[in-house]
Amino acid sequence: MKRKSTISRIERLNVLTARLKADDPMTIGGIAGEIGVSVRTLNRDIQILKEQGLPIETDVGRGGGIRLDRHWGIGRIN
């Protein structure tokens, strides 16, 4: 099996971050198909983003999905 290059992983993480910030309803399987990777690979990418401090929430089961924490953001600017 051919390994993906580091550049493609970085690009994939950027695409995943942008999709999460878009605040559209989505599932891990849907994003994996859209990006062209397996669900397992996407789960590893999500773990990397969580370790970098991105507050990602996931819900399993029917009606579940993935999103950024609803309370995460810039906050109030004075």
N, C-alpha and C. Protein backbone atom coordinates (compact mmCIF):
# COMPACT_ATOMS: atom_id res chain seq x y z
N MET A 1 0.84 -1.17 0.00
CA MET A 1 0.00 0.00 0.00
C MET A 1 0.89 1.24 0.00
N LYS A 2 0.55 2.19 -0.83
CA LYS A 2 1.32 3.42 -0.94
C LYS A 2 0.90 4.40 0.15
N ARG A 3 1.88 4.97 0.85
CA ARG A 3 1.59 5.95 1.89
C ARG A 3 1.35 7.31 1.28
N LYS A 4 0.46 8.05 1.90
CA LYS A 4 0.22 9.43 1.48
C LYS A 4 1.39 10.28 1.93
N SER A 5 1.68 11.31 1.19
CA SER A 5 2.78 12.19 1.56
C SER A 5 2.36 13.10 2.70
N THR A 6 3.34 13.70 3.34
CA THR A 6 3.07 14.64 4.42
C THR A 6 2.26 15.81 3.92
N ILE A 7 2.53 16.27 2.72
CA ILE A 7 1.80 17.40 2.16
C ILE A 7 0.32 17.07 2.06
N SER A 8 -0.02 15.87 1.59
CA SER A 8 -1.43 15.54 1.45
C SER A 8 -2.12 15.46 2.80
N ARG A 9 -1.41 15.01 3.84
CA ARG A 9 -2.02 14.98 5.18
C ARG A 9 -2.27 16.40 5.67
N ILE A 10 -1.33 17.30 5.47
CA ILE A 10 -1.51 18.70 5.88
C ILE A 10 -2.68 19.31 5.14
N GLU A 11 -2.76 19.07 3.84
CA GLU A 11 -3.88 19.59 3.06
C GLU A 11 -5.20 19.01 3.57
N ARG A 12 -5.20 17.72 3.89
CA ARG A 12 -6.39 17.05 4.39
C ARG A 12 -6.83 17.65 5.72
N LEU A 13 -5.88 17.93 6.61
CA LEU A 13 -6.20 18.55 7.89
C LEU A 13 -6.78 19.94 7.70
N ASN A 14 -6.24 20.68 6.74
CA ASN A 14 -6.78 22.02 6.44
C ASN A 14 -8.20 21.94 5.90
N VAL A 15 -8.45 20.99 5.01
CA VAL A 15 -9.80 20.81 4.46
C VAL A 15 -10.77 20.41 5.56
N LEU A 16 -10.35 19.49 6.42
CA LEU A 16 -11.20 19.04 7.52
C LEU A 16 -11.51 20.20 8.47
N THR A 17 -10.52 20.99 8.80
CA THR A 17 -10.73 22.14 9.68
C THR A 17 -11.72 23.13 9.04
N ALA A 18 -11.56 23.40 7.76
CA ALA A 18 -12.47 24.32 7.07
C ALA A 18 -13.89 23.78 7.06
N ARG A 19 -14.06 22.47 6.83
CA ARG A 19 -15.40 21.87 6.82
C ARG A 19 -16.06 21.98 8.20
N LEU A 20 -15.26 21.77 9.26
CA LEU A 20 -15.81 21.87 10.60
C LEU A 20 -16.21 23.30 10.94
N LYS A 21 -15.44 24.26 10.48
CA LYS A 21 -15.74 25.68 10.75
C LYS A 21 -16.95 26.15 9.95
N ALA A 22 -17.31 25.45 8.88
CA ALA A 22 -18.46 25.84 8.06
C ALA A 22 -19.78 25.63 8.80
N ASP A 23 -19.78 24.82 9.85
CA ASP A 23 -20.94 24.59 10.70
C ASP A 23 -22.11 23.94 9.96
N ASP A 24 -21.82 23.19 8.91
CA ASP A 24 -22.85 22.43 8.20
C ASP A 24 -23.00 21.06 8.87
N PRO A 25 -24.21 20.49 8.88
CA PRO A 25 -24.37 19.14 9.45
C PRO A 25 -23.59 18.13 8.61
N MET A 26 -22.81 17.29 9.27
CA MET A 26 -22.01 16.31 8.55
C MET A 26 -21.70 15.11 9.42
N THR A 27 -21.37 14.02 8.76
CA THR A 27 -20.97 12.80 9.45
C THR A 27 -19.54 12.48 9.09
N ILE A 28 -18.92 11.65 9.91
CA ILE A 28 -17.54 11.25 9.64
C ILE A 28 -17.47 10.49 8.32
N GLY A 29 -18.43 9.61 8.08
CA GLY A 29 -18.46 8.86 6.82
C GLY A 29 -18.62 9.77 5.62
N GLY A 30 -19.47 10.79 5.77
CA GLY A 30 -19.67 11.74 4.67
C GLY A 30 -18.43 12.54 4.35
N ILE A 31 -17.74 13.00 5.38
CA ILE A 31 -16.50 13.76 5.15
C ILE A 31 -15.43 12.85 4.56
N ALA A 32 -15.34 11.62 5.08
CA ALA A 32 -14.33 10.68 4.56
C ALA A 32 -14.54 10.45 3.07
N GLY A 33 -15.78 10.26 2.66
CA GLY A 33 -16.07 10.08 1.23
C GLY A 33 -15.76 11.31 0.42
N GLU A 34 -16.06 12.47 0.99
CA GLU A 34 -15.80 13.73 0.30
C GLU A 34 -14.30 13.97 0.10
N ILE A 35 -13.50 13.66 1.13
CA ILE A 35 -12.06 13.88 1.06
C ILE A 35 -11.37 12.75 0.30
N GLY A 36 -11.98 11.56 0.31
CA GLY A 36 -11.39 10.42 -0.41
C GLY A 36 -10.47 9.58 0.45
N VAL A 37 -10.78 9.47 1.75
CA VAL A 37 -9.99 8.63 2.65
C VAL A 37 -10.94 7.70 3.40
N SER A 38 -10.37 6.74 4.11
CA SER A 38 -11.19 5.83 4.90
C SER A 38 -11.64 6.52 6.19
N VAL A 39 -12.66 5.96 6.80
CA VAL A 39 -13.16 6.49 8.07
C VAL A 39 -12.06 6.39 9.13
N ARG A 40 -11.31 5.32 9.09
CA ARG A 40 -10.22 5.13 10.05
C ARG A 40 -9.17 6.23 9.92
N THR A 41 -8.80 6.56 8.68
CA THR A 41 -7.83 7.64 8.45
C THR A 41 -8.39 8.97 8.94
N LEU A 42 -9.65 9.21 8.67
CA LEU A 42 -10.27 10.46 9.11
C LEU A 42 -10.30 10.53 10.63
N ASN A 43 -10.57 9.42 11.30
CA ASN A 43 -10.56 9.42 12.76
C ASN A 43 -9.17 9.74 13.31
N ARG A 44 -8.13 9.26 12.65
CA ARG A 44 -6.76 9.62 13.07
C ARG A 44 -6.52 11.11 12.87
N ASP A 45 -6.99 11.66 11.76
CA ASP A 45 -6.85 13.10 11.50
C ASP A 45 -7.60 13.92 12.54
N ILE A 46 -8.79 13.47 12.91
CA ILE A 46 -9.58 14.17 13.93
C ILE A 46 -8.83 14.16 15.26
N GLN A 47 -8.22 13.04 15.59
CA GLN A 47 -7.45 12.96 16.83
C GLN A 47 -6.28 13.94 16.81
N ILE A 48 -5.62 14.09 15.68
CA ILE A 48 -4.52 15.06 15.55
C ILE A 48 -5.03 16.47 15.82
N LEU A 49 -6.17 16.81 15.22
CA LEU A 49 -6.73 18.15 15.42
C LEU A 49 -7.16 18.37 16.87
N LYS A 50 -7.69 17.34 17.52
CA LYS A 50 -8.04 17.45 18.94
C LYS A 50 -6.80 17.69 19.79
N GLU A 51 -5.71 16.99 19.48
CA GLU A 51 -4.46 17.17 20.22
C GLU A 51 -3.88 18.56 20.02
N GLN A 52 -4.19 19.19 18.90
CA GLN A 52 -3.74 20.55 18.64
C GLN A 52 -4.65 21.59 19.28
N GLY A 53 -5.71 21.16 19.94
CA GLY A 53 -6.57 22.06 20.68
C GLY A 53 -7.87 22.44 20.01
N LEU A 54 -8.19 21.86 18.87
CA LEU A 54 -9.46 22.16 18.22
C LEU A 54 -10.58 21.41 18.96
N PRO A 55 -11.59 22.12 19.47
CA PRO A 55 -12.63 21.47 20.28
C PRO A 55 -13.68 20.75 19.43
N ILE A 56 -13.36 19.56 19.00
CA ILE A 56 -14.24 18.78 18.13
C ILE A 56 -15.14 17.89 18.98
N GLU A 57 -16.43 17.92 18.67
CA GLU A 57 -17.40 17.06 19.33
C GLU A 57 -17.94 16.05 18.32
N THR A 58 -18.15 14.82 18.77
CA THR A 58 -18.75 13.80 17.91
C THR A 58 -19.89 13.13 18.67
N ASP A 59 -20.92 12.75 17.94
CA ASP A 59 -22.04 12.00 18.48
C ASP A 59 -22.18 10.74 17.64
N VAL A 60 -22.34 9.60 18.29
CA VAL A 60 -22.49 8.34 17.57
C VAL A 60 -23.96 7.98 17.45
N GLY A 61 -24.26 7.11 16.52
CA GLY A 61 -25.62 6.63 16.36
C GLY A 61 -26.43 7.45 15.38
N ARG A 62 -27.68 7.08 15.25
CA ARG A 62 -28.58 7.76 14.32
C ARG A 62 -28.71 9.23 14.71
N GLY A 63 -28.54 10.09 13.74
CA GLY A 63 -28.60 11.53 14.00
C GLY A 63 -27.30 12.10 14.53
N GLY A 64 -26.29 11.26 14.67
CA GLY A 64 -24.99 11.72 15.17
C GLY A 64 -24.20 12.43 14.09
N GLY A 65 -23.10 12.97 14.48
CA GLY A 65 -22.26 13.67 13.51
C GLY A 65 -21.03 14.23 14.18
N ILE A 66 -20.41 15.16 13.50
CA ILE A 66 -19.19 15.78 13.98
C ILE A 66 -19.31 17.29 13.79
N ARG A 67 -18.78 18.02 14.75
CA ARG A 67 -18.85 19.48 14.69
C ARG A 67 -17.85 20.07 15.67
N LEU A 68 -17.64 21.38 15.55
CA LEU A 68 -16.86 22.10 16.54
C LEU A 68 -17.76 22.42 17.73
N ASP A 69 -17.17 22.55 18.90
CA ASP A 69 -17.92 22.94 20.09
C ASP A 69 -18.68 24.24 19.79
N ARG A 70 -19.95 24.25 20.11
CA ARG A 70 -20.80 25.41 19.79
C ARG A 70 -20.37 26.67 20.50
N HIS A 71 -19.70 26.55 21.62
CA HIS A 71 -19.28 27.71 22.40
C HIS A 71 -17.86 28.17 22.08
N TRP A 72 -17.21 27.50 21.14
CA TRP A 72 -15.85 27.85 20.77
C TRP A 72 -15.86 28.99 19.77
N GLY A 73 -14.95 29.91 19.94
CA GLY A 73 -14.84 31.02 19.00
C GLY A 73 -13.95 32.12 19.56
N ILE A 74 -14.07 33.26 18.96
CA ILE A 74 -13.22 34.39 19.34
C ILE A 74 -13.61 34.94 20.71
N GLY A 75 -14.88 34.99 21.00
CA GLY A 75 -15.33 35.59 22.25
C GLY A 75 -15.67 37.06 22.02
N ARG A 76 -15.94 37.72 23.10
CA ARG A 76 -16.35 39.11 23.01
C ARG A 76 -15.13 40.03 22.90
N ILE A 77 -15.18 40.97 22.00
CA ILE A 77 -14.11 41.92 21.81
C ILE A 77 -14.55 43.27 22.39
N ASN A 78 -13.73 43.83 23.24
CA ASN A 78 -14.04 45.14 23.83
C ASN A 78 -13.43 46.25 23.02
